[in-house]
């Protein structure tokens, strides 16, 4: 019985470490995603400005699809 409890405690400790590692990974990915979203917004804004500067109309990203 004592060996079984020890094994369960080891398993719980291992799972706790894995959860901590995964939490760190998710937090890092959240930061990376926020950076990428900001960069994408900048790229989309620059592209829209470029399209307007070239004499285009409303940027495609701001137009409603034809089925609307």
PDB file of N, CA and C in Angstrom:
ATOM      1  N   UNK A   1       0.820  -1.191   0.000  1.00  0.00           N
ATOM      2  CA  UNK A   1       0.000   0.000   0.000  1.00  0.00           C
ATOM      3  C   UNK A   1       0.867   1.261   0.000  1.00  0.00           C
ATOM      4  N   UNK A   2       1.949   1.257   0.774  1.00  0.00           N
ATOM      5  CA  UNK A   2       2.838   2.408   0.876  1.00  0.00           C
ATOM      6  C   UNK A   2       3.520   2.696  -0.465  1.00  0.00           C
ATOM      7  N   UNK A   3       3.904   1.659  -1.187  1.00  0.00           N
ATOM      8  CA  UNK A   3       4.545   1.831  -2.491  1.00  0.00           C
ATOM      9  C   UNK A   3       3.564   2.445  -3.488  1.00  0.00           C
ATOM     10  N   UNK A   4       2.318   2.066  -3.373  1.00  0.00           N
ATOM     11  CA  UNK A   4       1.286   2.597  -4.266  1.00  0.00           C
ATOM     12  C   UNK A   4       1.073   4.091  -4.021  1.00  0.00           C
ATOM     13  N   UNK A   5       1.047   4.498  -2.791  1.00  0.00           N
ATOM     14  CA  UNK A   5       0.885   5.906  -2.447  1.00  0.00           C
ATOM     15  C   UNK A   5       2.092   6.701  -2.948  1.00  0.00           C
ATOM     16  N   UNK A   6       3.266   6.148  -2.769  1.00  0.00           N
ATOM     17  CA  UNK A   6       4.487   6.810  -3.236  1.00  0.00           C
ATOM     18  C   UNK A   6       4.447   6.984  -4.744  1.00  0.00           C
ATOM     19  N   UNK A   7       4.023   5.955  -5.457  1.00  0.00           N
ATOM     20  CA  UNK A   7       3.934   6.023  -6.923  1.00  0.00           C
ATOM     21  C   UNK A   7       2.930   7.099  -7.341  1.00  0.00           C
ATOM     22  N   UNK A   8       1.798   7.170  -6.637  1.00  0.00           N
ATOM     23  CA  UNK A   8       0.801   8.195  -6.961  1.00  0.00           C
ATOM     24  C   UNK A   8       1.328   9.603  -6.668  1.00  0.00           C
ATOM     25  N   UNK A   9       2.078   9.757  -5.600  1.00  0.00           N
ATOM     26  CA  UNK A   9       2.669  11.052  -5.285  1.00  0.00           C
ATOM     27  C   UNK A   9       3.681  11.463  -6.353  1.00  0.00           C
ATOM     28  N   UNK A  10       4.475  10.502  -6.819  1.00  0.00           N
ATOM     29  CA  UNK A  10       5.435  10.784  -7.882  1.00  0.00           C
ATOM     30  C   UNK A  10       4.705  11.190  -9.160  1.00  0.00           C
ATOM     31  N   UNK A  11       3.644  10.489  -9.470  1.00  0.00           N
ATOM     32  CA  UNK A  11       2.861  10.800 -10.658  1.00  0.00           C
ATOM     33  C   UNK A  11       2.255  12.193 -10.545  1.00  0.00           C
ATOM     34  N   UNK A  12       1.706  12.522  -9.387  1.00  0.00           N
ATOM     35  CA  UNK A  12       1.123  13.846  -9.178  1.00  0.00           C
ATOM     36  C   UNK A  12       2.186  14.932  -9.323  1.00  0.00           C
ATOM     37  N   UNK A  13       3.374  14.714  -8.790  1.00  0.00           N
ATOM     38  CA  UNK A  13       4.459  15.683  -8.912  1.00  0.00           C
ATOM     39  C   UNK A  13       4.870  15.862 -10.366  1.00  0.00           C
ATOM     40  N   UNK A  14       4.957  14.754 -11.092  1.00  0.00           N
ATOM     41  CA  UNK A  14       5.316  14.807 -12.514  1.00  0.00           C
ATOM     42  C   UNK A  14       4.247  15.582 -13.292  1.00  0.00           C
ATOM     43  N   UNK A  15       2.990  15.277 -13.055  1.00  0.00           N
ATOM     44  CA  UNK A  15       1.911  15.969 -13.758  1.00  0.00           C
ATOM     45  C   UNK A  15       1.898  17.455 -13.419  1.00  0.00           C
ATOM     46  N   UNK A  16       2.199  17.787 -12.168  1.00  0.00           N
ATOM     47  CA  UNK A  16       2.282  19.193 -11.784  1.00  0.00           C
ATOM     48  C   UNK A  16       3.368  19.919 -12.555  1.00  0.00           C
ATOM     49  N   UNK A  17       4.501  19.269 -12.732  1.00  0.00           N
ATOM     50  CA  UNK A  17       5.602  19.866 -13.496  1.00  0.00           C
ATOM     51  C   UNK A  17       5.207  20.050 -14.962  1.00  0.00           C
ATOM     52  N   UNK A  18       4.530  19.073 -15.509  1.00  0.00           N
ATOM     53  CA  UNK A  18       4.087  19.166 -16.906  1.00  0.00           C
ATOM     54  C   UNK A  18       3.092  20.315 -17.072  1.00  0.00           C
ATOM     55  N   UNK A  19       2.169  20.441 -16.134  1.00  0.00           N
ATOM     56  CA  UNK A  19       1.194  21.531 -16.195  1.00  0.00           C
ATOM     57  C   UNK A  19       1.901  22.879 -16.125  1.00  0.00           C
ATOM     58  N   UNK A  20       2.886  23.014 -15.263  1.00  0.00           N
ATOM     59  CA  UNK A  20       3.645  24.265 -15.165  1.00  0.00           C
ATOM     60  C   UNK A  20       4.370  24.567 -16.475  1.00  0.00           C
ATOM     61  N   UNK A  21       4.987  23.554 -17.062  1.00  0.00           N
ATOM     62  CA  UNK A  21       5.677  23.737 -18.348  1.00  0.00           C
ATOM     63  C   UNK A  21       4.703  24.178 -19.434  1.00  0.00           C
ATOM     64  N   UNK A  22       3.552  23.514 -19.505  1.00  0.00           N
ATOM     65  CA  UNK A  22       2.556  23.868 -20.521  1.00  0.00           C
ATOM     66  C   UNK A  22       2.001  25.266 -20.288  1.00  0.00           C
ATOM     67  N   UNK A  23       1.841  25.642 -19.052  1.00  0.00           N
ATOM     68  CA  UNK A  23       1.371  26.987 -18.742  1.00  0.00           C
ATOM     69  C   UNK A  23       2.363  28.036 -19.230  1.00  0.00           C
ATOM     70  N   UNK A  24       3.634  27.783 -19.032  1.00  0.00           N
ATOM     71  CA  UNK A  24       4.671  28.700 -19.520  1.00  0.00           C
ATOM     72  C   UNK A  24       4.635  28.802 -21.040  1.00  0.00           C
ATOM     73  N   UNK A  25       4.458  27.672 -21.693  1.00  0.00           N
ATOM     74  CA  UNK A  25       4.409  27.655 -23.162  1.00  0.00           C
ATOM     75  C   UNK A  25       3.211  28.450 -23.656  1.00  0.00           C
ATOM     76  N   UNK A  26       2.060  28.250 -23.056  1.00  0.00           N
ATOM     77  CA  UNK A  26       0.855  28.968 -23.472  1.00  0.00           C
ATOM     78  C   UNK A  26       1.026  30.472 -23.249  1.00  0.00           C
ATOM     79  N   UNK A  27       1.611  30.861 -22.132  1.00  0.00           N
ATOM     80  CA  UNK A  27       1.838  32.279 -21.856  1.00  0.00           C
ATOM     81  C   UNK A  27       2.770  32.889 -22.905  1.00  0.00           C
ATOM     82  N   UNK A  28       3.829  32.169 -23.268  1.00  0.00           N
ATOM     83  CA  UNK A  28       4.746  32.658 -24.293  1.00  0.00           C
ATOM     84  C   UNK A  28       4.047  32.787 -25.644  1.00  0.00           C
ATOM     85  N   UNK A  29       3.239  31.796 -25.991  1.00  0.00           N
ATOM     86  CA  UNK A  29       2.531  31.836 -27.263  1.00  0.00           C
ATOM     87  C   UNK A  29       1.514  32.977 -27.299  1.00  0.00           C
ATOM     88  N   UNK A  30       0.907  33.279 -26.164  1.00  0.00           N
ATOM     89  CA  UNK A  30      -0.033  34.391 -26.102  1.00  0.00           C
ATOM     90  C   UNK A  30       0.677  35.708 -26.410  1.00  0.00           C
ATOM     91  N   UNK A  31       1.871  35.886 -25.861  1.00  0.00           N
ATOM     92  CA  UNK A  31       2.649  37.092 -26.132  1.00  0.00           C
ATOM     93  C   UNK A  31       3.039  37.157 -27.602  1.00  0.00           C
ATOM     94  N   UNK A  32       3.495  36.032 -28.147  1.00  0.00           N
ATOM     95  CA  UNK A  32       3.885  35.990 -29.552  1.00  0.00           C
ATOM     96  C   UNK A  32       2.696  36.293 -30.457  1.00  0.00           C
ATOM     97  N   UNK A  33       1.539  35.759 -30.121  1.00  0.00           N
ATOM     98  CA  UNK A  33       0.336  35.994 -30.907  1.00  0.00           C
ATOM     99  C   UNK A  33      -0.048  37.468 -30.874  1.00  0.00           C
ATOM    100  N   UNK A  34       0.059  38.105 -29.720  1.00  0.00           N
ATOM    101  CA  UNK A  34      -0.255  39.529 -29.615  1.00  0.00           C
ATOM    102  C   UNK A  34       0.676  40.356 -30.499  1.00  0.00           C
ATOM    103  N   UNK A  35       1.959  40.003 -30.504  1.00  0.00           N
ATOM    104  CA  UNK A  35       2.929  40.709 -31.348  1.00  0.00           C
ATOM    105  C   UNK A  35       2.581  40.508 -32.825  1.00  0.00           C
ATOM    106  N   UNK A  36       2.272  39.294 -33.200  1.00  0.00           N
ATOM    107  CA  UNK A  36       1.936  39.009 -34.596  1.00  0.00           C
ATOM    108  C   UNK A  36       0.654  39.708 -35.021  1.00  0.00           C
ATOM    109  N   UNK A  37      -0.317  39.801 -34.130  1.00  0.00           N
ATOM    110  CA  UNK A  37      -1.559  40.506 -34.457  1.00  0.00           C
ATOM    111  C   UNK A  37      -1.291  41.991 -34.682  1.00  0.00           C
ATOM    112  N   UNK A  38      -0.444  42.586 -33.840  1.00  0.00           N
ATOM    113  CA  UNK A  38      -0.100  43.999 -34.029  1.00  0.00           C
ATOM    114  C   UNK A  38       0.629  44.199 -35.360  1.00  0.00           C
ATOM    115  N   UNK A  39       1.559  43.298 -35.663  1.00  0.00           N
ATOM    116  CA  UNK A  39       2.288  43.413 -36.925  1.00  0.00           C
ATOM    117  C   UNK A  39       1.350  43.269 -38.119  1.00  0.00           C
ATOM    118  N   UNK A  40       0.421  42.347 -38.032  1.00  0.00           N
ATOM    119  CA  UNK A  40      -0.524  42.135 -39.129  1.00  0.00           C
ATOM    120  C   UNK A  40      -1.398  43.364 -39.321  1.00  0.00           C
ATOM    121  N   UNK A  41      -1.822  43.980 -38.229  1.00  0.00           N
ATOM    122  CA  UNK A  41      -2.632  45.196 -38.332  1.00  0.00           C
ATOM    123  C   UNK A  41      -1.838  46.302 -39.023  1.00  0.00           C
ATOM    124  N   UNK A  42      -0.546  46.413 -38.703  1.00  0.00           N
ATOM    125  CA  UNK A  42       0.303  47.417 -39.345  1.00  0.00           C
ATOM    126  C   UNK A  42       0.419  47.130 -40.833  1.00  0.00           C
ATOM    127  N   UNK A  43       0.643  45.882 -41.188  1.00  0.00           N
ATOM    128  CA  UNK A  43       0.770  45.505 -42.602  1.00  0.00           C
ATOM    129  C   UNK A  43      -0.533  45.796 -43.350  1.00  0.00           C
ATOM    130  N   UNK A  44      -1.659  45.453 -42.744  1.00  0.00           N
ATOM    131  CA  UNK A  44      -2.951  45.696 -43.403  1.00  0.00           C
ATOM    132  C   UNK A  44      -3.185  47.196 -43.591  1.00  0.00           C
ATOM    133  N   UNK A  45      -2.835  47.994 -42.605  1.00  0.00           N
ATOM    134  CA  UNK A  45      -2.999  49.440 -42.707  1.00  0.00           C
ATOM    135  C   UNK A  45      -2.102  50.014 -43.799  1.00  0.00           C
ATOM    136  N   UNK A  46      -0.869  49.558 -43.858  1.00  0.00           N
ATOM    137  CA  UNK A  46       0.053  50.035 -44.907  1.00  0.00           C
ATOM    138  C   UNK A  46      -0.451  49.653 -46.294  1.00  0.00           C
ATOM    139  N   UNK A  47      -0.958  48.452 -46.418  1.00  0.00           N
ATOM    140  CA  UNK A  47      -1.468  47.997 -47.714  1.00  0.00           C
ATOM    141  C   UNK A  47      -2.689  48.819 -48.121  1.00  0.00           C
ATOM    142  N   UNK A  48      -3.557  49.107 -47.181  1.00  0.00           N
ATOM    143  CA  UNK A  48      -4.736  49.920 -47.480  1.00  0.00           C
ATOM    144  C   UNK A  48      -4.311  51.320 -47.919  1.00  0.00           C
ATOM    145  N   UNK A  49      -3.324  51.897 -47.239  1.00  0.00           N
ATOM    146  CA  UNK A  49      -2.830  53.220 -47.615  1.00  0.00           C
ATOM    147  C   UNK A  49      -2.194  53.184 -48.998  1.00  0.00           C
ATOM    148  N   UNK A  50      -1.465  52.118 -49.276  1.00  0.00           N
ATOM    149  CA  UNK A  50      -0.831  51.993 -50.598  1.00  0.00           C
ATOM    150  C   UNK A  50      -1.877  51.895 -51.697  1.00  0.00           C
ATOM    151  N   UNK A  51      -2.924  51.113 -51.457  1.00  0.00           N
ATOM    152  CA  UNK A  51      -3.983  50.964 -52.456  1.00  0.00           C
ATOM    153  C   UNK A  51      -4.665  52.296 -52.724  1.00  0.00           C
ATOM    154  N   UNK A  52      -4.931  53.056 -51.675  1.00  0.00           N
ATOM    155  CA  UNK A  52      -5.562  54.363 -51.860  1.00  0.00           C
ATOM    156  C   UNK A  52      -4.630  55.341 -52.558  1.00  0.00           C
ATOM    157  N   UNK A  53      -3.339  55.290 -52.241  1.00  0.00           N
ATOM    158  CA  UNK A  53      -2.371  56.195 -52.860  1.00  0.00           C
ATOM    159  C   UNK A  53      -2.225  55.919 -54.351  1.00  0.00           C
ATOM    160  N   UNK A  54      -2.440  54.678 -54.746  1.00  0.00           N
ATOM    161  CA  UNK A  54      -2.324  54.315 -56.164  1.00  0.00           C
ATOM    162  C   UNK A  54      -3.609  54.597 -56.916  1.00  0.00           C
ATOM    163  N   UNK A  55      -4.540  55.280 -56.289  1.00  0.00           N
ATOM    164  CA  UNK A  55      -5.771  55.644 -56.979  1.00  0.00           C
ATOM    165  C   UNK A  55      -6.836  54.580 -56.888  1.00  0.00           C
ATOM    166  N   UNK A  56      -6.643  53.637 -56.016  1.00  0.00           N
ATOM    167  CA  UNK A  56      -7.651  52.598 -55.850  1.00  0.00           C
ATOM    168  C   UNK A  56      -8.854  53.112 -55.084  1.00  0.00           C
ATOM    169  N   UNK A  57      -9.832  52.284 -54.974  1.00  0.00           N
ATOM    170  CA  UNK A  57     -11.032  52.651 -54.230  1.00  0.00           C
ATOM    171  C   UNK A  57     -10.888  52.155 -52.806  1.00  0.00           C
ATOM    172  N   UNK A  58     -11.961  51.736 -52.239  1.00  0.00           N
ATOM    173  CA  UNK A  58     -11.940  51.223 -50.875  1.00  0.00           C
ATOM    174  C   UNK A  58     -11.119  49.944 -50.857  1.00  0.00           C
ATOM    175  N   UNK A  59     -10.206  49.794 -49.900  1.00  0.00           N
ATOM    176  CA  UNK A  59      -9.417  48.547 -49.836  1.00  0.00           C
ATOM    177  C   UNK A  59     -10.320  47.322 -49.741  1.00  0.00           C
ATOM    178  N   UNK A  60      -9.874  46.242 -50.362  1.00  0.00           N
ATOM    179  CA  UNK A  60     -10.687  45.030 -50.390  1.00  0.00           C
ATOM    180  C   UNK A  60     -11.060  44.531 -49.004  1.00  0.00           C
ATOM    181  N   UNK A  61     -10.211  44.782 -48.048  1.00  0.00           N
ATOM    182  CA  UNK A  61     -10.508  44.301 -46.700  1.00  0.00           C
ATOM    183  C   UNK A  61     -11.692  45.032 -46.091  1.00  0.00           C
ATOM    184  N   UNK A  62     -12.036  46.206 -46.626  1.00  0.00           N
ATOM    185  CA  UNK A  62     -13.156  46.980 -46.097  1.00  0.00           C
ATOM    186  C   UNK A  62     -14.419  46.830 -46.934  1.00  0.00           C
ATOM    187  N   UNK A  63     -14.355  46.091 -48.017  1.00  0.00           N
ATOM    188  CA  UNK A  63     -15.522  45.911 -48.866  1.00  0.00           C
ATOM    189  C   UNK A  63     -16.329  44.700 -48.419  1.00  0.00           C
ATOM    190  N   UNK A  64     -17.643  44.818 -48.553  1.00  0.00           N
ATOM    191  CA  UNK A  64     -18.499  43.678 -48.256  1.00  0.00           C
ATOM    192  C   UNK A  64     -18.420  42.695 -49.418  1.00  0.00           C
ATOM    193  N   UNK A  65     -18.527  41.401 -49.136  1.00  0.00           N
ATOM    194  CA  UNK A  65     -18.526  40.412 -50.209  1.00  0.00           C
ATOM    195  C   UNK A  65     -19.737  40.604 -51.109  1.00  0.00           C
ATOM    196  N   UNK A  66     -19.657  40.146 -52.355  1.00  0.00           N
ATOM    197  CA  UNK A  66     -20.746  40.361 -53.297  1.00  0.00           C
ATOM    198  C   UNK A  66     -22.074  39.718 -52.901  1.00  0.00           C
ATOM    199  N   UNK A  67     -22.060  38.705 -52.082  1.00  0.00           N
ATOM    200  CA  UNK A  67     -23.303  38.027 -51.717  1.00  0.00           C
ATOM    201  C   UNK A  67     -24.048  38.742 -50.593  1.00  0.00           C
ATOM    202  N   UNK A  68     -23.544  39.885 -50.114  1.00  0.00           N
ATOM    203  CA  UNK A  68     -24.223  40.615 -49.025  1.00  0.00           C
ATOM    204  C   UNK A  68     -25.195  41.561 -49.592  1.00  0.00           C
TER     205      UNK A  68
END
